[in-house]
Amino acid sequence: MQEVYQGYNEDTKSSSNEESVPKLIKEVQELIPSSYSTKISYLLFNAIFDINIAKNVEKNKVLLAEMYKTLGFSAGNSEIDLLLNLEIFLLRKNASVDFHKYIPTILQLFWKEELLSDEVLIDWDQGKLDAKFMMDFRYEKVIDTKFKEAAKPFLEWLK
């Protein structure tokens, strides 16, 4: 997966790179067995972000937006997917790192880059998206609760 991603030059924000994202997605889809096709966004998210996630948001925003577009996600569903990826990435995959105090800043960065909207964040905080979250393979109630609690400063500011 990293080899495929290396073909995408995230330092340059030219239209040629935006056009390469669908090709990248197609290559990933060819590498992944069809039984895992619903997990492509999760796999790509983990391929493009590392422990320094805050520093990578701006340079990966085009890739994320195009990924969701290419995979056929609606705007609201891409944001739900992004929140689930963040929860798992920050609180389970990197459990050895205490991200709790950085979660408001990380969410604000994704919000600032227009990858997360006020409406979805507030609905998520108020539990209006719980049914959609619970249907996903990444959802863990304990992690979701911890993530929401850590996000409170940003969510309160947003309201």
C-alpha atoms as a PDB file:
ATOM      1  CA  MET A   1       0.000   0.000   0.000  1.00  0.00           C
ATOM      2  CA  GLN A   2       2.814   2.405   0.826  1.00  0.00           C
ATOM      3  CA  GLU A   3       4.337   1.732  -2.607  1.00  0.00           C
ATOM      4  CA  VAL A   4       1.113   2.773  -4.324  1.00  0.00           C
ATOM      5  CA  TYR A   5       0.832   5.897  -2.177  1.00  0.00           C
ATOM      6  CA  GLN A   6       4.413   6.948  -2.919  1.00  0.00           C
ATOM      7  CA  GLY A   7       3.301   7.592  -6.503  1.00  0.00           C
ATOM      8  CA  TYR A   8       1.203  10.471  -5.198  1.00  0.00           C
ATOM      9  CA  ASN A   9       3.271  13.611  -4.639  1.00  0.00           C
ATOM     10  CA  GLU A  10       1.489  15.284  -1.730  1.00  0.00           C
ATOM     11  CA  ASP A  11       3.883  18.240  -1.655  1.00  0.00           C
ATOM     12  CA  THR A  12       2.582  19.543  -4.965  1.00  0.00           C
ATOM     13  CA  LYS A  13      -1.006  20.698  -5.099  1.00  0.00           C
ATOM     14  CA  SER A  14      -1.356  20.664  -8.868  1.00  0.00           C
ATOM     15  CA  SER A  15      -4.334  19.365 -10.760  1.00  0.00           C
ATOM     16  CA  SER A  16      -2.196  16.500 -12.059  1.00  0.00           C
ATOM     17  CA  ASN A  17      -1.985  15.151  -8.519  1.00  0.00           C
ATOM     18  CA  GLU A  18      -5.732  15.524  -8.038  1.00  0.00           C
ATOM     19  CA  GLU A  19      -6.181  13.559 -11.247  1.00  0.00           C
ATOM     20  CA  SER A  20      -3.829  10.830  -9.969  1.00  0.00           C
ATOM     21  CA  VAL A  21      -6.034  10.073  -6.953  1.00  0.00           C
ATOM     22  CA  PRO A  22      -8.638   8.043  -8.870  1.00  0.00           C
ATOM     23  CA  LYS A  23      -5.746   6.065 -10.385  1.00  0.00           C
ATOM     24  CA  LEU A  24      -4.353   5.494  -6.891  1.00  0.00           C
ATOM     25  CA  ILE A  25      -7.770   4.310  -5.661  1.00  0.00           C
ATOM     26  CA  LYS A  26      -8.093   1.964  -8.649  1.00  0.00           C
ATOM     27  CA  GLU A  27      -4.665   0.477  -7.943  1.00  0.00           C
ATOM     28  CA  VAL A  28      -5.578  -0.052  -4.294  1.00  0.00           C
ATOM     29  CA  GLN A  29      -8.889  -1.660  -5.284  1.00  0.00           C
ATOM     30  CA  GLU A  30      -6.982  -4.061  -7.526  1.00  0.00           C
ATOM     31  CA  LEU A  31      -4.625  -4.995  -4.675  1.00  0.00           C
ATOM     32  CA  ILE A  32      -7.346  -5.606  -2.114  1.00  0.00           C
ATOM     33  CA  PRO A  33      -9.567  -8.686  -2.318  1.00  0.00           C
ATOM     34  CA  SER A  34     -13.197  -7.823  -3.081  1.00  0.00           C
ATOM     35  CA  SER A  35     -14.270  -9.081   0.358  1.00  0.00           C
ATOM     36  CA  TYR A  36     -12.333  -6.128   1.841  1.00  0.00           C
ATOM     37  CA  SER A  37     -13.534  -3.450  -0.596  1.00  0.00           C
ATOM     38  CA  THR A  38     -15.607  -1.700   2.082  1.00  0.00           C
ATOM     39  CA  LYS A  39     -12.422  -1.171   4.089  1.00  0.00           C
ATOM     40  CA  ILE A  40     -10.499   0.749   1.409  1.00  0.00           C
ATOM     41  CA  SER A  41     -10.979   4.158   3.024  1.00  0.00           C
ATOM     42  CA  TYR A  42      -9.745   2.779   6.347  1.00  0.00           C
ATOM     43  CA  LEU A  43      -6.685   1.208   4.731  1.00  0.00           C
ATOM     44  CA  LEU A  44      -5.822   4.355   2.765  1.00  0.00           C
ATOM     45  CA  PHE A  45      -6.308   6.571   5.818  1.00  0.00           C
ATOM     46  CA  ASN A  46      -3.788   4.440   7.703  1.00  0.00           C
ATOM     47  CA  ALA A  47      -1.399   4.515   4.750  1.00  0.00           C
ATOM     48  CA  ILE A  48      -1.336   8.308   4.422  1.00  0.00           C
ATOM     49  CA  PHE A  49      -1.293   9.317   8.086  1.00  0.00           C
ATOM     50  CA  ASP A  50       1.381   8.602  10.628  1.00  0.00           C
ATOM     51  CA  ILE A  51       1.901   9.484  14.279  1.00  0.00           C
ATOM     52  CA  ASN A  52       2.344  13.151  13.256  1.00  0.00           C
ATOM     53  CA  ILE A  53      -1.227  13.293  11.984  1.00  0.00           C
ATOM     54  CA  ALA A  54      -1.663  17.020  12.723  1.00  0.00           C
ATOM     55  CA  LYS A  55       1.200  17.880  10.392  1.00  0.00           C
ATOM     56  CA  ASN A  56      -0.248  15.717   7.623  1.00  0.00           C
ATOM     57  CA  VAL A  57      -3.818  17.030   7.433  1.00  0.00           C
ATOM     58  CA  GLU A  58      -3.210  19.924   5.050  1.00  0.00           C
ATOM     59  CA  LYS A  59      -0.983  17.989   2.668  1.00  0.00           C
ATOM     60  CA  ASN A  60      -3.420  15.046   2.537  1.00  0.00           C
ATOM     61  CA  LYS A  61      -6.691  16.974   2.278  1.00  0.00           C
ATOM     62  CA  VAL A  62      -6.874  16.681  -1.510  1.00  0.00           C
ATOM     63  CA  LEU A  63      -6.157  12.972  -1.354  1.00  0.00           C
ATOM     64  CA  LEU A  64      -8.852  12.424   1.306  1.00  0.00           C
ATOM     65  CA  ALA A  65     -11.472  14.481  -0.528  1.00  0.00           C
ATOM     66  CA  GLU A  66     -10.768  12.770  -3.844  1.00  0.00           C
ATOM     67  CA  MET A  67     -10.663   9.351  -2.165  1.00  0.00           C
ATOM     68  CA  TYR A  68     -14.169   9.823  -0.803  1.00  0.00           C
ATOM     69  CA  LYS A  69     -15.395  11.197  -4.132  1.00  0.00           C
ATOM     70  CA  THR A  70     -13.870   8.298  -6.080  1.00  0.00           C
ATOM     71  CA  LEU A  71     -15.276   5.734  -3.643  1.00  0.00           C
ATOM     72  CA  GLY A  72     -18.734   7.281  -4.042  1.00  0.00           C
ATOM     73  CA  PHE A  73     -19.231   8.572  -0.488  1.00  0.00           C
ATOM     74  CA  SER A  74     -21.780  11.333   0.057  1.00  0.00           C
ATOM     75  CA  ALA A  75     -20.513  14.365   1.995  1.00  0.00           C
ATOM     76  CA  GLY A  76     -22.097  13.304   5.299  1.00  0.00           C
ATOM     77  CA  ASN A  77     -20.993   9.689   4.954  1.00  0.00           C
ATOM     78  CA  SER A  78     -17.410  10.692   4.202  1.00  0.00           C
ATOM     79  CA  GLU A  79     -17.372  12.722   7.419  1.00  0.00           C
ATOM     80  CA  ILE A  80     -18.737   9.809   9.444  1.00  0.00           C
ATOM     81  CA  ASP A  81     -16.099   7.587   7.867  1.00  0.00           C
ATOM     82  CA  LEU A  82     -13.408  10.135   8.680  1.00  0.00           C
ATOM     83  CA  LEU A  83     -14.512  10.375  12.323  1.00  0.00           C
ATOM     84  CA  LEU A  84     -14.458   6.581  12.660  1.00  0.00           C
ATOM     85  CA  ASN A  85     -10.991   6.449  11.104  1.00  0.00           C
ATOM     86  CA  LEU A  86      -9.781   9.131  13.522  1.00  0.00           C
ATOM     87  CA  GLU A  87     -11.203   7.355  16.552  1.00  0.00           C
ATOM     88  CA  ILE A  88      -9.530   4.076  15.684  1.00  0.00           C
ATOM     89  CA  PHE A  89      -6.280   5.672  14.529  1.00  0.00           C
ATOM     90  CA  LEU A  90      -5.827   7.864  17.617  1.00  0.00           C
ATOM     91  CA  LEU A  91      -7.245   5.708  20.394  1.00  0.00           C
ATOM     92  CA  ARG A  92      -6.728   2.109  19.302  1.00  0.00           C
ATOM     93  CA  LYS A  93      -4.036   1.851  16.634  1.00  0.00           C
ATOM     94  CA  ASN A  94      -1.782   4.306  18.488  1.00  0.00           C
ATOM     95  CA  ALA A  95      -2.987   3.461  21.990  1.00  0.00           C
ATOM     96  CA  SER A  96       0.548   3.748  23.359  1.00  0.00           C
ATOM     97  CA  VAL A  97       0.495   7.500  22.587  1.00  0.00           C
ATOM     98  CA  ASP A  98      -1.726   9.772  24.674  1.00  0.00           C
ATOM     99  CA  PHE A  99      -3.597  11.707  21.984  1.00  0.00           C
ATOM    100  CA  HIS A 100      -6.429  12.823  24.307  1.00  0.00           C
ATOM    101  CA  LYS A 101      -5.164  16.370  24.777  1.00  0.00           C
ATOM    102  CA  TYR A 102      -4.517  16.742  21.030  1.00  0.00           C
ATOM    103  CA  ILE A 103      -7.905  15.520  19.799  1.00  0.00           C
ATOM    104  CA  PRO A 104      -9.543  19.004  19.853  1.00  0.00           C
ATOM    105  CA  THR A 105      -6.676  20.422  17.784  1.00  0.00           C
ATOM    106  CA  ILE A 106      -6.707  17.508  15.349  1.00  0.00           C
ATOM    107  CA  LEU A 107     -10.466  17.812  14.850  1.00  0.00           C
ATOM    108  CA  GLN A 108     -10.106  21.555  14.352  1.00  0.00           C
ATOM    109  CA  LEU A 109      -7.498  20.942  11.632  1.00  0.00           C
ATOM    110  CA  PHE A 110      -9.813  18.576   9.749  1.00  0.00           C
ATOM    111  CA  TRP A 111     -12.661  21.086  10.222  1.00  0.00           C
ATOM    112  CA  LYS A 112     -10.494  23.992   9.020  1.00  0.00           C
ATOM    113  CA  GLU A 113      -9.601  22.019   5.869  1.00  0.00           C
ATOM    114  CA  GLU A 114     -13.352  21.489   5.314  1.00  0.00           C
ATOM    115  CA  LEU A 115     -13.147  17.725   5.709  1.00  0.00           C
ATOM    116  CA  LEU A 116     -15.505  17.881   8.712  1.00  0.00           C
ATOM    117  CA  SER A 117     -18.520  20.187   8.954  1.00  0.00           C
ATOM    118  CA  ASP A 118     -20.152  21.925  11.905  1.00  0.00           C
ATOM    119  CA  GLU A 119     -23.386  20.036  11.331  1.00  0.00           C
ATOM    120  CA  VAL A 120     -21.870  16.539  11.313  1.00  0.00           C
ATOM    121  CA  LEU A 121     -19.642  17.259  14.314  1.00  0.00           C
ATOM    122  CA  ILE A 122     -22.546  18.628  16.371  1.00  0.00           C
ATOM    123  CA  ASP A 123     -24.865  15.777  15.314  1.00  0.00           C
ATOM    124  CA  TRP A 124     -22.140  13.280  16.241  1.00  0.00           C
ATOM    125  CA  ASP A 125     -21.661  14.917  19.638  1.00  0.00           C
ATOM    126  CA  GLN A 126     -25.418  14.870  20.299  1.00  0.00           C
ATOM    127  CA  GLY A 127     -25.695  11.162  19.441  1.00  0.00           C
ATOM    128  CA  LYS A 128     -27.727  11.728  16.277  1.00  0.00           C
ATOM    129  CA  LEU A 129     -25.279   9.617  14.249  1.00  0.00           C
ATOM    130  CA  ASP A 130     -24.986   6.724  16.701  1.00  0.00           C
ATOM    131  CA  ALA A 131     -27.033   4.338  14.538  1.00  0.00           C
ATOM    132  CA  LYS A 132     -24.729   4.924  11.539  1.00  0.00           C
ATOM    133  CA  PHE A 133     -21.635   4.530  13.707  1.00  0.00           C
ATOM    134  CA  MET A 134     -22.818   1.292  15.330  1.00  0.00           C
ATOM    135  CA  MET A 135     -23.274  -0.366  11.943  1.00  0.00           C
ATOM    136  CA  ASP A 136     -19.588   0.049  11.082  1.00  0.00           C
ATOM    137  CA  PHE A 137     -16.858  -2.538  11.699  1.00  0.00           C
ATOM    138  CA  ARG A 138     -14.636   0.118  13.313  1.00  0.00           C
ATOM    139  CA  TYR A 139     -17.147   1.260  15.918  1.00  0.00           C
ATOM    140  CA  GLU A 140     -16.368   0.636  19.573  1.00  0.00           C
ATOM    141  CA  LYS A 141     -18.618   2.356  22.098  1.00  0.00           C
ATOM    142  CA  VAL A 142     -15.817   2.774  24.655  1.00  0.00           C
ATOM    143  CA  ILE A 143     -13.520   4.412  22.100  1.00  0.00           C
ATOM    144  CA  ASP A 144     -16.321   6.600  20.736  1.00  0.00           C
ATOM    145  CA  THR A 145     -17.169   7.800  24.250  1.00  0.00           C
ATOM    146  CA  LYS A 146     -13.524   8.572  25.076  1.00  0.00           C
ATOM    147  CA  PHE A 147     -13.056  10.370  21.762  1.00  0.00           C
ATOM    148  CA  LYS A 148     -16.169  12.529  22.269  1.00  0.00           C
ATOM    149  CA  GLU A 149     -15.067  13.391  25.799  1.00  0.00           C
ATOM    150  CA  ALA A 150     -11.610  14.418  24.598  1.00  0.00           C
ATOM    151  CA  ALA A 151     -13.197  16.452  21.757  1.00  0.00           C
ATOM    152  CA  LYS A 152     -15.462  18.466  24.111  1.00  0.00           C
ATOM    153  CA  PRO A 153     -13.364  21.676  24.144  1.00  0.00           C
ATOM    154  CA  PHE A 154     -13.490  21.933  20.349  1.00  0.00           C
ATOM    155  CA  LEU A 155     -17.143  20.880  20.144  1.00  0.00           C
ATOM    156  CA  GLU A 156     -18.150  23.464  22.756  1.00  0.00           C
ATOM    157  CA  TRP A 157     -16.220  26.143  20.866  1.00  0.00           C
ATOM    158  CA  LEU A 158     -17.907  25.061  17.631  1.00  0.00           C
ATOM    159  CA  LYS A 159     -21.388  25.379  19.123  1.00  0.00           C
END
